[in-house]
Amino acid sequence: MTTTFQKRQKEMKRIEKRKMKEEKRAQRKLDKTNAPEIEHDPASDPTIDWNHSNEISSHE
């Protein structure tokens, strides 16, 4: 009879673990969808030299 009890305890632990995983997964999904998406616009990047003034001139 103790083996049945142990099996039940094991099964309950397995079910609890599965629920915890599902909750974590759902939370990560929510965090992912609620995260502000920062789109980087390359046109507003101050480090890009759009005039190409830093290029080495080969027209000499």
C-alpha atoms as a PDB file:
ATOM      1  CA  MET A   1       0.000   0.000   0.000  1.00  0.00           C
ATOM      2  CA  THR A   2       2.912   2.384   0.590  1.00  0.00           C
ATOM      3  CA  THR A   3       4.012   2.003  -3.018  1.00  0.00           C
ATOM      4  CA  THR A   4       0.647   3.358  -4.179  1.00  0.00           C
ATOM      5  CA  PHE A   5       1.075   6.346  -1.872  1.00  0.00           C
ATOM      6  CA  GLN A   6       4.619   6.928  -3.142  1.00  0.00           C
ATOM      7  CA  LYS A   7       3.440   6.706  -6.726  1.00  0.00           C
ATOM      8  CA  ARG A   8       0.687   9.224  -5.990  1.00  0.00           C
ATOM      9  CA  GLN A   9       3.175  11.600  -4.351  1.00  0.00           C
ATOM     10  CA  LYS A  10       5.507  11.245  -7.312  1.00  0.00           C
ATOM     11  CA  GLU A  11       2.683  11.903  -9.764  1.00  0.00           C
ATOM     12  CA  MET A  12       1.514  14.952  -7.785  1.00  0.00           C
ATOM     13  CA  LYS A  13       5.059  16.324  -7.789  1.00  0.00           C
ATOM     14  CA  ARG A  14       5.281  15.753 -11.561  1.00  0.00           C
ATOM     15  CA  ILE A  15       1.987  17.576 -12.112  1.00  0.00           C
ATOM     16  CA  GLU A  16       3.097  20.465  -9.897  1.00  0.00           C
ATOM     17  CA  LYS A  17       6.375  20.752 -11.801  1.00  0.00           C
ATOM     18  CA  ARG A  18       4.504  20.806 -15.106  1.00  0.00           C
ATOM     19  CA  LYS A  19       2.214  23.593 -13.857  1.00  0.00           C
ATOM     20  CA  MET A  20       5.192  25.631 -12.699  1.00  0.00           C
ATOM     21  CA  LYS A  21       6.828  25.246 -16.105  1.00  0.00           C
ATOM     22  CA  GLU A  22       3.627  26.294 -17.875  1.00  0.00           C
ATOM     23  CA  GLU A  23       3.343  29.367 -15.643  1.00  0.00           C
ATOM     24  CA  LYS A  24       6.953  30.317 -16.305  1.00  0.00           C
ATOM     25  CA  ARG A  25       6.451  29.856 -20.031  1.00  0.00           C
ATOM     26  CA  ALA A  26       3.305  32.006 -19.984  1.00  0.00           C
ATOM     27  CA  GLN A  27       5.093  34.690 -17.959  1.00  0.00           C
ATOM     28  CA  ARG A  28       8.026  34.779 -20.388  1.00  0.00           C
ATOM     29  CA  LYS A  29       5.590  35.056 -23.275  1.00  0.00           C
ATOM     30  CA  LEU A  30       3.828  37.978 -21.577  1.00  0.00           C
ATOM     31  CA  ASP A  31       7.145  39.671 -20.836  1.00  0.00           C
ATOM     32  CA  LYS A  32       8.187  39.218 -24.435  1.00  0.00           C
ATOM     33  CA  THR A  33       4.965  40.705 -25.848  1.00  0.00           C
ATOM     34  CA  ASN A  34       4.860  43.584 -23.345  1.00  0.00           C
ATOM     35  CA  ALA A  35       8.501  44.525 -23.796  1.00  0.00           C
ATOM     36  CA  PRO A  36       8.845  47.825 -25.619  1.00  0.00           C
ATOM     37  CA  GLU A  37      10.313  47.135 -28.991  1.00  0.00           C
ATOM     38  CA  ILE A  38      13.066  49.613 -29.676  1.00  0.00           C
ATOM     39  CA  GLU A  39      13.534  49.849 -33.377  1.00  0.00           C
ATOM     40  CA  HIS A  40      16.805  51.380 -34.374  1.00  0.00           C
ATOM     41  CA  ASP A  41      16.513  53.815 -37.232  1.00  0.00           C
ATOM     42  CA  PRO A  42      19.874  53.930 -39.035  1.00  0.00           C
ATOM     43  CA  ALA A  43      19.056  57.344 -40.501  1.00  0.00           C
ATOM     44  CA  SER A  44      19.103  58.880 -37.025  1.00  0.00           C
ATOM     45  CA  ASP A  45      22.393  57.230 -36.035  1.00  0.00           C
ATOM     46  CA  PRO A  46      24.915  60.039 -35.389  1.00  0.00           C
ATOM     47  CA  THR A  47      27.870  57.689 -35.896  1.00  0.00           C
ATOM     48  CA  ILE A  48      27.090  57.174 -39.577  1.00  0.00           C
ATOM     49  CA  ASP A  49      28.792  59.622 -41.897  1.00  0.00           C
ATOM     50  CA  TRP A  50      26.233  60.029 -44.645  1.00  0.00           C
ATOM     51  CA  ASN A  51      28.496  62.447 -46.584  1.00  0.00           C
ATOM     52  CA  HIS A  52      31.292  59.880 -46.807  1.00  0.00           C
ATOM     53  CA  SER A  53      33.805  62.531 -45.770  1.00  0.00           C
ATOM     54  CA  ASN A  54      35.903  59.975 -43.936  1.00  0.00           C
ATOM     55  CA  GLU A  55      36.559  57.824 -46.993  1.00  0.00           C
ATOM     56  CA  ILE A  56      40.010  57.702 -48.504  1.00  0.00           C
ATOM     57  CA  SER A  57      39.956  59.434 -51.810  1.00  0.00           C
ATOM     58  CA  SER A  58      41.354  57.357 -54.658  1.00  0.00           C
ATOM     59  CA  HIS A  59      40.734  60.098 -57.242  1.00  0.00           C
ATOM     60  CA  GLU A  60      44.125  61.741 -56.647  1.00  0.00           C
END
